[in-house]
N, C-alpha and C. Protein backbone atom coordinates (compact mmCIF):
# COMPACT_ATOMS: atom_id res chain seq x y z
N UNK A 1 0.85 -1.17 0.00
CA UNK A 1 0.00 0.00 0.00
C UNK A 1 0.90 1.24 0.00
N UNK A 2 0.75 2.07 -0.97
CA UNK A 2 1.52 3.30 -1.08
C UNK A 2 0.69 4.46 -0.55
N UNK A 3 1.22 5.16 0.43
CA UNK A 3 0.52 6.30 1.01
C UNK A 3 1.05 7.58 0.40
N UNK A 4 0.17 8.53 0.15
CA UNK A 4 0.58 9.79 -0.46
C UNK A 4 1.39 10.62 0.53
N UNK A 5 2.18 11.52 0.00
CA UNK A 5 3.01 12.39 0.84
C UNK A 5 2.16 13.27 1.77
N UNK A 6 1.05 13.90 1.27
CA UNK A 6 0.23 14.69 2.19
C UNK A 6 -0.38 13.84 3.31
N UNK A 7 -0.77 12.61 2.99
CA UNK A 7 -1.34 11.73 4.02
C UNK A 7 -0.30 11.42 5.09
N UNK A 8 0.90 11.07 4.67
CA UNK A 8 1.96 10.75 5.64
C UNK A 8 2.27 11.95 6.52
N UNK A 9 2.30 13.15 5.90
CA UNK A 9 2.61 14.35 6.66
C UNK A 9 1.51 14.68 7.67
N UNK A 10 0.25 14.62 7.24
CA UNK A 10 -0.83 14.94 8.17
C UNK A 10 -0.94 13.88 9.26
N UNK A 11 -0.66 12.64 8.94
CA UNK A 11 -0.69 11.58 9.95
C UNK A 11 0.39 11.83 11.01
N UNK A 12 1.58 12.23 10.57
CA UNK A 12 2.65 12.53 11.51
C UNK A 12 2.28 13.72 12.40
N UNK A 13 1.77 14.79 11.79
CA UNK A 13 1.37 15.97 12.55
C UNK A 13 0.23 15.66 13.53
N UNK A 14 -0.75 14.88 13.06
CA UNK A 14 -1.88 14.53 13.94
C UNK A 14 -1.44 13.66 15.11
N UNK A 15 -0.54 12.73 14.87
CA UNK A 15 -0.10 11.88 15.98
C UNK A 15 0.62 12.71 17.04
N UNK A 16 1.44 13.68 16.60
CA UNK A 16 2.08 14.57 17.57
C UNK A 16 1.05 15.41 18.31
N UNK A 17 0.04 15.90 17.58
CA UNK A 17 -1.00 16.72 18.18
C UNK A 17 -1.84 15.93 19.18
N UNK A 18 -2.16 14.68 18.85
CA UNK A 18 -2.99 13.86 19.74
C UNK A 18 -2.23 13.42 20.98
N UNK A 19 -0.93 13.22 20.85
CA UNK A 19 -0.14 12.79 22.01
C UNK A 19 0.20 13.94 22.94
N UNK A 20 0.32 15.15 22.42
CA UNK A 20 0.72 16.30 23.22
C UNK A 20 -0.29 17.42 23.01
N UNK A 21 -1.05 17.72 24.05
CA UNK A 21 -2.10 18.74 23.91
C UNK A 21 -1.53 20.15 23.85
N UNK A 22 -0.24 20.32 24.07
CA UNK A 22 0.37 21.65 24.04
C UNK A 22 1.02 21.96 22.69
N UNK A 23 0.48 21.40 21.64
CA UNK A 23 1.03 21.59 20.31
C UNK A 23 0.95 23.06 19.90
N UNK A 24 1.97 23.53 19.22
CA UNK A 24 2.02 24.92 18.78
C UNK A 24 0.89 25.21 17.79
N UNK A 25 0.44 26.45 17.81
CA UNK A 25 -0.65 26.85 16.91
C UNK A 25 -0.28 26.67 15.45
N UNK A 26 0.99 26.91 15.13
CA UNK A 26 1.38 26.77 13.72
C UNK A 26 1.23 25.33 13.24
N UNK A 27 1.40 24.38 14.15
CA UNK A 27 1.21 22.98 13.78
C UNK A 27 -0.26 22.69 13.52
N UNK A 28 -1.14 23.27 14.31
CA UNK A 28 -2.58 23.10 14.10
C UNK A 28 -2.99 23.71 12.76
N UNK A 29 -2.44 24.87 12.45
CA UNK A 29 -2.74 25.50 11.16
C UNK A 29 -2.20 24.66 10.01
N UNK A 30 -1.05 24.03 10.21
CA UNK A 30 -0.48 23.15 9.17
C UNK A 30 -1.41 21.96 8.94
N UNK A 31 -1.96 21.41 10.01
CA UNK A 31 -2.90 20.29 9.88
C UNK A 31 -4.14 20.75 9.11
N UNK A 32 -4.68 21.90 9.50
CA UNK A 32 -5.89 22.42 8.83
C UNK A 32 -5.63 22.71 7.36
N UNK A 33 -4.43 23.14 7.04
CA UNK A 33 -4.10 23.44 5.65
C UNK A 33 -3.93 22.17 4.82
N UNK A 34 -3.52 21.07 5.45
CA UNK A 34 -3.30 19.83 4.72
C UNK A 34 -4.58 19.04 4.46
N UNK A 35 -5.58 19.21 5.29
CA UNK A 35 -6.82 18.44 5.14
C UNK A 35 -7.43 18.59 3.74
N UNK A 36 -7.55 19.79 3.19
CA UNK A 36 -8.14 19.91 1.85
C UNK A 36 -7.30 19.30 0.73
N UNK A 37 -6.02 19.05 0.98
CA UNK A 37 -5.17 18.48 -0.07
C UNK A 37 -5.33 16.97 -0.20
N UNK A 38 -6.02 16.35 0.75
CA UNK A 38 -6.21 14.90 0.70
C UNK A 38 -7.32 14.53 -0.27
N UNK A 39 -7.15 13.44 -0.97
CA UNK A 39 -8.23 12.95 -1.82
C UNK A 39 -9.20 12.14 -0.96
N UNK A 40 -10.28 11.68 -1.54
CA UNK A 40 -11.34 10.99 -0.78
C UNK A 40 -10.82 9.71 -0.12
N UNK A 41 -9.97 8.97 -0.81
CA UNK A 41 -9.43 7.73 -0.25
C UNK A 41 -8.56 8.03 0.97
N UNK A 42 -7.70 9.03 0.86
CA UNK A 42 -6.84 9.39 1.99
C UNK A 42 -7.65 9.92 3.16
N UNK A 43 -8.71 10.70 2.89
CA UNK A 43 -9.56 11.19 3.98
C UNK A 43 -10.24 10.02 4.70
N UNK A 44 -10.69 9.04 3.94
CA UNK A 44 -11.32 7.86 4.54
C UNK A 44 -10.31 7.11 5.41
N UNK A 45 -9.12 6.90 4.88
CA UNK A 45 -8.07 6.22 5.65
C UNK A 45 -7.74 6.99 6.92
N UNK A 46 -7.64 8.31 6.80
CA UNK A 46 -7.30 9.14 7.95
C UNK A 46 -8.39 9.08 9.01
N UNK A 47 -9.65 9.13 8.60
CA UNK A 47 -10.76 9.05 9.56
C UNK A 47 -10.78 7.69 10.25
N UNK A 48 -10.50 6.63 9.51
CA UNK A 48 -10.44 5.29 10.11
C UNK A 48 -9.29 5.22 11.12
N UNK A 49 -8.14 5.79 10.76
CA UNK A 49 -6.99 5.81 11.66
C UNK A 49 -7.31 6.61 12.92
N UNK A 50 -7.98 7.76 12.75
CA UNK A 50 -8.38 8.57 13.90
C UNK A 50 -9.41 7.84 14.77
N UNK A 51 -10.28 7.06 14.15
CA UNK A 51 -11.25 6.28 14.93
C UNK A 51 -10.54 5.30 15.85
N UNK A 52 -9.50 4.65 15.35
CA UNK A 52 -8.75 3.73 16.21
C UNK A 52 -7.99 4.48 17.30
N UNK A 53 -7.53 5.70 17.01
CA UNK A 53 -6.93 6.53 18.04
C UNK A 53 -7.96 6.82 19.14
N UNK A 54 -9.19 7.13 18.75
CA UNK A 54 -10.25 7.40 19.72
C UNK A 54 -10.53 6.18 20.59
N UNK A 55 -10.52 5.00 19.99
CA UNK A 55 -10.74 3.77 20.76
C UNK A 55 -9.62 3.58 21.77
N UNK A 56 -8.37 3.78 21.33
CA UNK A 56 -7.23 3.63 22.25
C UNK A 56 -7.30 4.65 23.38
N UNK A 57 -7.65 5.89 23.05
CA UNK A 57 -7.76 6.92 24.07
C UNK A 57 -8.93 6.64 25.01
N UNK A 58 -10.02 6.12 24.46
CA UNK A 58 -11.18 5.78 25.29
C UNK A 58 -10.86 4.72 26.32
N UNK A 59 -9.97 3.80 25.98
CA UNK A 59 -9.59 2.78 26.96
C UNK A 59 -8.77 3.38 28.10
N UNK A 60 -8.19 4.55 27.87
CA UNK A 60 -7.45 5.26 28.92
C UNK A 60 -8.32 6.30 29.62
N UNK A 61 -9.58 6.38 29.23
CA UNK A 61 -10.50 7.33 29.85
C UNK A 61 -10.47 8.71 29.24
N UNK A 62 -9.88 8.86 28.06
CA UNK A 62 -9.81 10.15 27.38
C UNK A 62 -10.88 10.22 26.29
N UNK A 63 -11.24 11.43 25.92
CA UNK A 63 -12.25 11.65 24.88
C UNK A 63 -11.63 12.53 23.79
N UNK A 64 -11.19 11.92 22.69
CA UNK A 64 -10.51 12.64 21.62
C UNK A 64 -11.44 13.17 20.54
N UNK A 65 -12.60 12.60 20.40
CA UNK A 65 -13.47 12.99 19.29
C UNK A 65 -13.82 14.47 19.33
N UNK A 66 -14.02 15.02 20.51
CA UNK A 66 -14.31 16.45 20.64
C UNK A 66 -13.16 17.31 20.16
N UNK A 67 -11.93 16.91 20.49
CA UNK A 67 -10.75 17.65 20.01
C UNK A 67 -10.65 17.59 18.49
N UNK A 68 -10.93 16.42 17.93
CA UNK A 68 -10.85 16.26 16.48
C UNK A 68 -11.91 17.11 15.80
N UNK A 69 -13.12 17.15 16.37
CA UNK A 69 -14.20 17.96 15.80
C UNK A 69 -13.86 19.45 15.86
N UNK A 70 -13.21 19.89 16.94
CA UNK A 70 -12.82 21.31 17.02
C UNK A 70 -11.70 21.63 16.04
N UNK A 71 -10.82 20.68 15.79
CA UNK A 71 -9.75 20.88 14.83
C UNK A 71 -10.30 21.06 13.42
N UNK A 72 -11.16 20.11 13.01
CA UNK A 72 -11.77 20.16 11.68
C UNK A 72 -13.10 19.43 11.73
N UNK A 73 -14.20 20.14 11.55
CA UNK A 73 -15.52 19.50 11.65
C UNK A 73 -15.71 18.33 10.68
N UNK A 74 -15.16 18.44 9.48
CA UNK A 74 -15.30 17.34 8.51
C UNK A 74 -14.55 16.10 8.98
N UNK A 75 -13.37 16.28 9.55
CA UNK A 75 -12.64 15.14 10.11
C UNK A 75 -13.40 14.53 11.29
N UNK A 76 -14.00 15.39 12.10
CA UNK A 76 -14.79 14.90 13.23
C UNK A 76 -15.96 14.05 12.78
N UNK A 77 -16.67 14.53 11.76
CA UNK A 77 -17.81 13.79 11.22
C UNK A 77 -17.36 12.47 10.61
N UNK A 78 -16.28 12.51 9.84
CA UNK A 78 -15.75 11.29 9.22
C UNK A 78 -15.26 10.30 10.25
N UNK A 79 -14.64 10.80 11.31
CA UNK A 79 -14.15 9.91 12.37
C UNK A 79 -15.31 9.27 13.11
N UNK A 80 -16.35 10.05 13.37
CA UNK A 80 -17.54 9.49 14.03
C UNK A 80 -18.18 8.41 13.16
N UNK A 81 -18.24 8.65 11.86
CA UNK A 81 -18.78 7.64 10.95
C UNK A 81 -17.90 6.40 10.93
N UNK A 82 -16.59 6.59 10.96
CA UNK A 82 -15.67 5.45 10.98
C UNK A 82 -15.80 4.67 12.27
N UNK A 83 -16.04 5.37 13.38
CA UNK A 83 -16.25 4.68 14.66
C UNK A 83 -17.48 3.78 14.60
N UNK A 84 -18.51 4.23 13.91
CA UNK A 84 -19.73 3.43 13.83
C UNK A 84 -19.54 2.19 12.96
N UNK A 85 -18.51 2.18 12.11
CA UNK A 85 -18.25 1.03 11.25
C UNK A 85 -17.18 0.09 11.78
N UNK A 86 -16.64 0.38 12.96
CA UNK A 86 -15.63 -0.51 13.54
C UNK A 86 -16.30 -1.81 13.97
N UNK A 87 -15.51 -2.86 14.19
CA UNK A 87 -16.09 -4.15 14.60
C UNK A 87 -16.96 -4.01 15.85
N UNK A 88 -17.89 -4.92 15.98
CA UNK A 88 -18.84 -4.90 17.08
C UNK A 88 -18.13 -4.82 18.43
N UNK A 89 -18.60 -3.95 19.29
CA UNK A 89 -18.05 -3.82 20.63
C UNK A 89 -16.85 -2.87 20.71
N UNK A 90 -16.43 -2.31 19.59
CA UNK A 90 -15.26 -1.44 19.60
C UNK A 90 -15.62 -0.01 19.23
N UNK A 91 -16.77 0.21 18.68
CA UNK A 91 -17.13 1.49 18.09
C UNK A 91 -17.36 2.62 19.07
N UNK A 92 -18.23 3.54 18.69
CA UNK A 92 -18.47 4.77 19.43
C UNK A 92 -18.95 4.51 20.85
N UNK A 93 -19.76 3.48 21.06
CA UNK A 93 -20.24 3.22 22.41
C UNK A 93 -19.10 2.83 23.34
N UNK A 94 -18.11 2.11 22.84
CA UNK A 94 -16.96 1.74 23.67
C UNK A 94 -16.10 2.96 24.01
N UNK A 95 -16.06 3.92 23.10
CA UNK A 95 -15.28 5.13 23.34
C UNK A 95 -15.95 6.00 24.39
N UNK A 96 -17.25 6.03 24.39
CA UNK A 96 -17.99 6.88 25.35
C UNK A 96 -18.07 6.27 26.74
N UNK A 97 -17.90 4.97 26.86
CA UNK A 97 -17.93 4.33 28.16
C UNK A 97 -16.55 4.44 28.81
N UNK A 98 -16.47 5.26 29.84
CA UNK A 98 -15.20 5.43 30.54
C UNK A 98 -15.11 4.43 31.67
N UNK A 99 -13.97 3.76 31.76
CA UNK A 99 -13.79 2.81 32.84
C UNK A 99 -13.57 3.55 34.15
N UNK A 100 -14.08 3.00 35.20
CA UNK A 100 -13.89 3.55 36.52
C UNK A 100 -12.74 2.79 37.18
N UNK A 101 -11.90 3.52 37.89
CA UNK A 101 -10.81 2.84 38.57
C UNK A 101 -11.34 2.16 39.82
N UNK A 102 -10.62 1.19 40.28
CA UNK A 102 -11.06 0.41 41.45
C UNK A 102 -10.91 1.17 42.74
């Protein structure tokens, strides 16, 4: 599978942004500028990748979908749709259920 250069760049920037909430504003603007350069296939792949990020964060008790929606509403909508298509028991309901510590 060959990934396009804009997809690889936005994926790298998004992973840094999702891991560190103190990302510089210029990096957020770079992400927003790259989103329109993606074709439909890359946007779908990116939303699916972000959906899995949301699942991983949900298992830690974090809620990333709101941050993604504030970053780019279209990415937020696509990620929410991708969450609904994940395998049974992993989708949006699993992300919204926060585990309680013992």
